[in-house]
Amino acid sequence: MNERVLHWVFFVALAFIWGSSFILMKEGLAYLSAYQVASIRILSSGLVLLPVAIRHFRNIPIGKVGYIFLSGLLGSLLPAYLFCMAEVGIDSSLAGTLNSLTPIFVILIGILFFGMRIRPIQVLGVLLAFTGSILLYLAQPGYAQSSQLLYLLMVVAATACYGLNVNMVHRHLAHIPSMQIAALALTSNAIPAALVLWLTGYFQMDLLRSGVLISTGFSCILGVLGTALASVIFYILIKRAGAVFSSMVTYGIPFVAIFWGILYNEEVGWKQLGGLLVILMGVYLANKPAKAAAPGMAEK
């Protein structure tokens, strides 16, 4: 398969998985607290990848272990709690839309702390795609009822964590296999997640009660698919396609929101489709390859 086509296959898969995760969070929050849903998410993903982590731990350079733990903290643990806490007060569609801030933070943090060099066309693409995400959100009925600043800031903080993680993985973990990074990152961060789950009194609840059982099931699905599997794909994408393209997957999330909206008979009209077209244009511009220098021209 062509390398660029493969990048887009990963892009679409991640957009669908992560776009669906906001609905799974809401289902989990029906009978569990935000801390419990997030903890189960990370704990289940860590348990799934535990055999891989045990098998490959000896292959990880000792100097990279701290970076891998930090990657799990920034890329999974903290955002899991921040998003779940945010969805207590805002709609999942708003949380998914604001998640498109991630590429902005990838660029800002990359420029400020990682010496990233970026072309003006890429900046334009990111800004255009972000504008499309905002337009898509504004096209949704009842959007003005979800503007609670504290919850919005939680989502912004989560996207800043993602932006820092993308740059760090691209800089410090480029030569470590993606599966090993994801396995060790999630397994190590499952320990603090289990501690939080215990402190919130989850194990003192009636775990066989139907509501608790269903919410726990949704949280586990969220962990296995939305965190474990998605993290492996994401680390592969960062290493193969670069930091900016990888972060742009967040712009596919509104597509999934529209998909779920159709299934639930929500209003989907020309305004929503127009927002999607703006997003697509932004993704294209931000990932447009640089033109090769003309033959016979010396590089400066």
Protein backbone atom coordinates (compact mmCIF):
# COMPACT_ATOMS: atom_id res chain seq x y z
CA MET A 1 0.00 0.00 0.00
CA ASN A 2 1.20 3.51 -0.81
CA GLU A 3 2.74 5.18 2.27
CA ARG A 4 0.55 8.28 2.09
CA VAL A 5 -2.59 6.19 1.62
CA LEU A 6 -1.62 4.20 4.70
CA HIS A 7 -1.30 7.44 6.66
CA TRP A 8 -4.87 8.34 5.74
CA VAL A 9 -6.12 4.86 6.69
CA PHE A 10 -4.67 5.40 10.17
CA PHE A 11 -6.14 8.91 10.18
CA VAL A 12 -9.70 7.71 9.49
CA ALA A 13 -9.45 4.81 11.97
CA LEU A 14 -8.26 7.10 14.75
CA ALA A 15 -10.89 9.73 13.98
CA PHE A 16 -13.66 7.13 14.27
CA ILE A 17 -12.31 5.55 17.46
CA TRP A 18 -11.60 8.81 19.26
CA GLY A 19 -14.74 10.46 17.94
CA SER A 20 -16.80 7.63 19.40
CA SER A 21 -14.99 7.86 22.74
CA PHE A 22 -16.97 10.95 23.78
CA ILE A 23 -20.23 9.00 23.58
CA LEU A 24 -18.68 6.15 25.54
CA MET A 25 -17.60 8.62 28.23
CA LYS A 26 -21.16 9.91 28.55
CA GLU A 27 -22.47 6.35 28.88
CA GLY A 28 -19.88 5.62 31.55
CA LEU A 29 -20.80 8.76 33.49
CA ALA A 30 -24.41 7.59 33.79
CA TYR A 31 -23.63 5.60 36.96
CA LEU A 32 -19.97 6.33 37.72
CA SER A 33 -18.04 9.48 38.59
CA ALA A 34 -15.66 11.18 36.17
CA TYR A 35 -12.66 9.94 38.16
CA GLN A 36 -13.94 6.36 38.07
CA VAL A 37 -14.66 6.34 34.33
CA ALA A 38 -11.22 7.78 33.54
CA SER A 39 -9.48 5.39 35.95
CA ILE A 40 -11.21 2.32 34.49
CA ARG A 41 -10.32 3.56 31.01
CA ILE A 42 -6.58 3.75 31.78
CA LEU A 43 -6.54 0.64 33.98
CA SER A 44 -8.24 -1.55 31.35
CA SER A 45 -5.95 -0.29 28.60
CA GLY A 46 -2.90 -0.98 30.77
CA LEU A 47 -4.06 -4.51 31.58
CA VAL A 48 -4.64 -5.30 27.91
CA LEU A 49 -1.10 -4.21 27.03
CA LEU A 50 0.56 -5.65 30.14
CA PRO A 51 1.87 -8.82 28.39
CA VAL A 52 3.50 -6.64 25.72
CA ALA A 53 5.02 -4.36 28.34
CA ILE A 54 6.49 -7.31 30.27
CA ARG A 55 7.90 -8.87 27.13
CA HIS A 56 9.61 -5.73 25.82
CA PHE A 57 10.56 -3.86 29.01
CA ARG A 58 14.14 -5.13 28.87
CA ASN A 59 14.51 -3.71 25.35
CA ILE A 60 13.73 -0.15 26.47
CA PRO A 61 16.85 2.00 27.09
CA ILE A 62 16.88 2.99 30.75
CA GLY A 63 17.20 6.64 29.80
CA LYS A 64 13.92 6.49 27.85
CA VAL A 65 11.75 4.94 30.58
CA GLY A 66 10.99 8.33 32.13
CA TYR A 67 10.00 9.78 28.76
CA ILE A 68 7.66 6.84 28.14
CA PHE A 69 5.95 7.24 31.52
CA LEU A 70 5.62 10.98 30.87
CA SER A 71 4.14 10.21 27.45
CA GLY A 72 1.47 8.07 29.08
CA LEU A 73 0.80 10.79 31.64
CA LEU A 74 0.45 13.58 29.07
CA GLY A 75 -1.08 11.58 26.25
CA SER A 76 -3.54 9.41 28.19
CA LEU A 77 -3.86 9.73 31.97
CA LEU A 78 -4.31 13.47 32.48
CA PRO A 79 -6.49 14.01 29.36
CA ALA A 80 -8.70 11.07 30.40
CA TYR A 81 -9.51 12.76 33.72
CA LEU A 82 -9.82 16.23 32.20
CA PHE A 83 -12.23 15.14 29.47
CA CYS A 84 -14.41 13.10 31.82
CA MET A 85 -14.61 15.98 34.30
CA ALA A 86 -15.44 18.37 31.46
CA GLU A 87 -18.25 16.19 30.15
CA VAL A 88 -19.99 16.45 33.50
CA GLY A 89 -20.80 20.05 32.54
CA ILE A 90 -20.67 20.27 28.72
CA ASP A 91 -21.99 18.27 25.79
CA SER A 92 -19.80 15.55 24.32
CA SER A 93 -20.07 17.23 20.91
CA LEU A 94 -18.57 20.42 22.32
CA ALA A 95 -15.76 18.47 23.97
CA GLY A 96 -15.06 16.72 20.67
CA THR A 97 -15.05 20.01 18.79
CA LEU A 98 -12.67 21.71 21.23
CA ASN A 99 -10.38 18.70 20.93
CA SER A 100 -9.42 20.14 17.55
CA LEU A 101 -7.25 22.66 19.42
CA THR A 102 -4.59 19.95 19.64
CA PRO A 103 -2.77 20.89 16.40
CA ILE A 104 -2.63 24.51 17.56
CA PHE A 105 -0.80 23.41 20.70
CA VAL A 106 1.43 21.04 18.73
CA ILE A 107 2.65 23.98 16.69
CA LEU A 108 2.88 26.49 19.54
CA ILE A 109 4.72 24.10 21.87
CA GLY A 110 6.85 22.84 18.99
CA ILE A 111 7.95 26.37 18.11
CA LEU A 112 8.48 27.50 21.72
CA PHE A 113 10.24 24.44 23.15
CA PHE A 114 11.26 22.05 20.37
CA GLY A 115 12.64 24.32 17.64
CA MET A 116 9.94 23.31 15.16
CA ARG A 117 10.08 25.01 11.78
CA ILE A 118 6.77 25.29 10.01
CA ARG A 119 5.73 26.73 6.66
CA PRO A 120 3.11 29.51 6.46
CA ILE A 121 0.81 27.26 4.42
CA GLN A 122 0.74 24.78 7.31
CA VAL A 123 -0.18 27.51 9.78
CA LEU A 124 -2.97 28.60 7.44
CA GLY A 125 -4.20 25.01 7.15
CA VAL A 126 -4.32 24.49 10.89
CA LEU A 127 -6.16 27.76 11.45
CA LEU A 128 -8.59 27.01 8.64
CA ALA A 129 -9.34 23.54 9.99
CA PHE A 130 -9.85 24.94 13.48
CA THR A 131 -12.24 27.54 12.03
CA GLY A 132 -14.16 24.74 10.35
CA SER A 133 -14.46 22.92 13.67
CA ILE A 134 -15.87 26.03 15.31
CA LEU A 135 -18.33 26.54 12.45
CA LEU A 136 -19.40 22.92 12.78
CA TYR A 137 -20.03 23.38 16.48
CA LEU A 138 -21.94 26.64 15.96
CA ALA A 139 -24.17 24.84 13.45
CA GLN A 140 -25.36 22.45 16.14
CA PRO A 141 -28.71 23.29 17.79
CA GLY A 142 -28.47 24.54 21.36
CA TYR A 143 -24.73 25.19 21.31
CA ALA A 144 -25.04 28.40 23.35
CA GLN A 145 -26.31 26.47 26.36
CA SER A 146 -22.99 24.64 26.82
CA SER A 147 -20.60 27.55 27.43
CA GLN A 148 -19.29 26.96 30.95
CA LEU A 149 -15.78 28.38 31.17
CA LEU A 150 -14.30 26.02 33.77
CA TYR A 151 -15.29 22.91 31.82
CA LEU A 152 -14.07 24.45 28.58
CA LEU A 153 -10.69 25.17 30.16
CA MET A 154 -10.40 21.52 31.19
CA VAL A 155 -10.69 20.49 27.55
CA VAL A 156 -8.17 23.16 26.53
CA ALA A 157 -5.74 21.86 29.18
CA ALA A 158 -6.19 18.32 27.84
CA THR A 159 -5.36 19.42 24.29
CA ALA A 160 -2.27 21.23 25.58
CA CYS A 161 -1.16 17.92 27.13
CA TYR A 162 -1.66 16.23 23.78
CA GLY A 163 0.36 18.92 22.02
CA LEU A 164 3.29 18.52 24.40
CA ASN A 165 3.15 14.73 24.15
CA VAL A 166 3.19 14.71 20.34
CA ASN A 167 6.32 16.85 20.25
CA MET A 168 8.04 14.87 22.97
CA VAL A 169 7.41 11.49 21.32
CA HIS A 170 8.58 12.81 17.96
CA ARG A 171 11.78 14.20 19.52
CA HIS A 172 12.77 11.65 22.18
CA LEU A 173 11.12 8.32 21.32
CA ALA A 174 11.39 8.16 17.54
CA HIS A 175 13.60 5.04 17.52
CA ILE A 176 11.53 2.95 19.94
CA PRO A 177 8.84 0.68 18.42
CA SER A 178 5.36 2.16 18.75
CA MET A 179 3.85 -0.91 20.40
CA GLN A 180 6.49 -0.83 23.11
CA ILE A 181 5.89 2.86 23.82
CA ALA A 182 2.13 2.43 24.08
CA ALA A 183 2.35 -0.73 26.20
CA LEU A 184 4.83 0.61 28.73
CA ALA A 185 3.24 4.08 28.86
CA LEU A 186 -0.27 2.78 29.57
CA THR A 187 0.80 -0.06 31.85
CA SER A 188 2.88 2.22 34.05
CA ASN A 189 0.11 4.83 34.23
CA ALA A 190 -2.43 2.14 35.13
CA ILE A 191 -0.87 2.10 38.61
CA PRO A 192 -1.90 5.65 39.60
CA ALA A 193 -5.24 5.07 37.83
CA ALA A 194 -5.90 2.00 40.01
CA LEU A 195 -5.03 4.01 43.11
CA VAL A 196 -7.52 6.75 42.17
CA LEU A 197 -10.18 4.11 41.46
CA TRP A 198 -9.68 2.64 44.92
CA LEU A 199 -9.72 6.05 46.63
CA THR A 200 -13.04 6.96 44.98
CA GLY A 201 -14.71 3.96 46.61
CA TYR A 202 -15.40 2.08 43.39
CA PHE A 203 -14.61 -1.32 44.93
CA GLN A 204 -17.08 -0.67 47.75
CA MET A 205 -19.93 -0.22 45.24
CA ASP A 206 -22.41 -2.91 44.24
CA LEU A 207 -20.47 -3.87 41.09
CA LEU A 208 -23.16 -6.34 39.97
CA ARG A 209 -25.85 -3.67 39.87
CA SER A 210 -27.00 -3.33 36.27
CA GLY A 211 -26.29 0.40 35.94
CA VAL A 212 -22.81 0.17 37.47
CA LEU A 213 -22.05 -2.92 35.40
CA ILE A 214 -23.11 -1.23 32.14
CA SER A 215 -21.16 1.95 32.87
CA THR A 216 -18.11 -0.13 33.79
CA GLY A 217 -18.46 -2.02 30.51
CA PHE A 218 -18.57 1.18 28.48
CA SER A 219 -15.53 2.47 30.37
CA CYS A 220 -13.64 -0.73 29.61
CA ILE A 221 -14.51 -0.51 25.92
CA LEU A 222 -13.30 3.07 26.05
CA GLY A 223 -9.99 1.86 27.49
CA VAL A 224 -9.40 -1.10 25.21
CA LEU A 225 -10.39 0.60 21.95
CA GLY A 226 -10.22 4.33 22.62
CA THR A 227 -6.93 4.20 24.52
CA ALA A 228 -4.97 0.95 24.04
CA LEU A 229 -5.63 0.30 20.36
CA ALA A 230 -5.83 3.97 19.42
CA SER A 231 -2.58 4.80 21.24
CA VAL A 232 -0.69 2.13 19.31
CA ILE A 233 -2.02 3.47 16.01
CA PHE A 234 -1.29 7.05 17.06
CA TYR A 235 2.33 6.34 18.00
CA ILE A 236 2.80 4.62 14.64
CA LEU A 237 1.32 7.64 12.88
CA ILE A 238 3.57 10.11 14.73
CA LYS A 239 6.68 8.22 13.72
CA ARG A 240 5.65 7.59 10.11
CA ALA A 241 3.87 10.83 9.22
CA GLY A 242 5.23 13.40 11.65
CA ALA A 243 3.86 15.49 14.52
CA VAL A 244 1.67 17.93 12.59
CA PHE A 245 -0.15 15.33 10.46
CA SER A 246 -0.68 13.10 13.51
CA SER A 247 -2.25 15.90 15.52
CA MET A 248 -4.56 16.77 12.61
CA VAL A 249 -6.48 13.55 13.27
CA THR A 250 -8.43 15.57 15.83
CA TYR A 251 -10.15 17.30 12.94
CA GLY A 252 -11.76 14.03 11.91
CA ILE A 253 -13.60 13.82 15.22
CA PRO A 254 -16.45 16.15 14.13
CA PHE A 255 -17.09 13.78 11.21
CA VAL A 256 -17.80 11.04 13.71
CA ALA A 257 -20.04 13.36 15.71
CA ILE A 258 -22.12 13.90 12.56
CA PHE A 259 -22.21 10.15 11.96
CA TRP A 260 -23.57 9.50 15.46
CA GLY A 261 -25.98 12.41 15.03
CA ILE A 262 -27.48 10.77 11.96
CA LEU A 263 -27.88 7.49 13.83
CA TYR A 264 -29.68 9.31 16.64
CA ASN A 265 -31.86 11.33 14.25
CA GLU A 266 -30.21 14.64 15.11
CA GLU A 267 -30.34 17.61 12.76
CA VAL A 268 -27.68 17.42 10.03
CA GLY A 269 -27.95 20.05 7.31
CA TRP A 270 -25.94 22.17 4.91
CA LYS A 271 -24.34 24.17 7.74
CA GLN A 272 -22.78 21.04 9.20
CA LEU A 273 -21.63 19.85 5.79
CA GLY A 274 -20.13 23.27 5.08
CA GLY A 275 -18.12 23.07 8.30
CA LEU A 276 -16.85 19.65 7.27
CA LEU A 277 -15.67 21.00 3.91
CA VAL A 278 -13.73 23.79 5.63
CA ILE A 279 -12.08 21.21 7.89
CA LEU A 280 -11.10 19.06 4.93
CA MET A 281 -9.51 22.04 3.18
CA GLY A 282 -7.53 22.87 6.29
CA VAL A 283 -6.28 19.30 6.66
CA TYR A 284 -5.20 19.32 3.01
CA LEU A 285 -3.30 22.61 3.28
CA ALA A 286 -1.58 21.72 6.55
CA ASN A 287 -0.27 18.48 5.08
CA LYS A 288 0.50 19.66 1.56
CA PRO A 289 4.06 18.54 0.70
CA ALA A 290 6.63 21.29 0.22
CA LYS A 291 7.54 21.97 -3.39
CA ALA A 292 10.89 20.57 -4.42
CA ALA A 293 13.53 23.08 -5.48
CA ALA A 294 13.74 23.64 -9.22
CA PRO A 295 16.58 21.78 -11.02
CA GLY A 296 19.80 23.74 -11.13
CA MET A 297 18.88 26.00 -8.18
CA ALA A 298 21.24 25.85 -5.24
CA GLU A 299 19.79 25.55 -1.77
CA LYS A 300 20.40 28.51 0.49
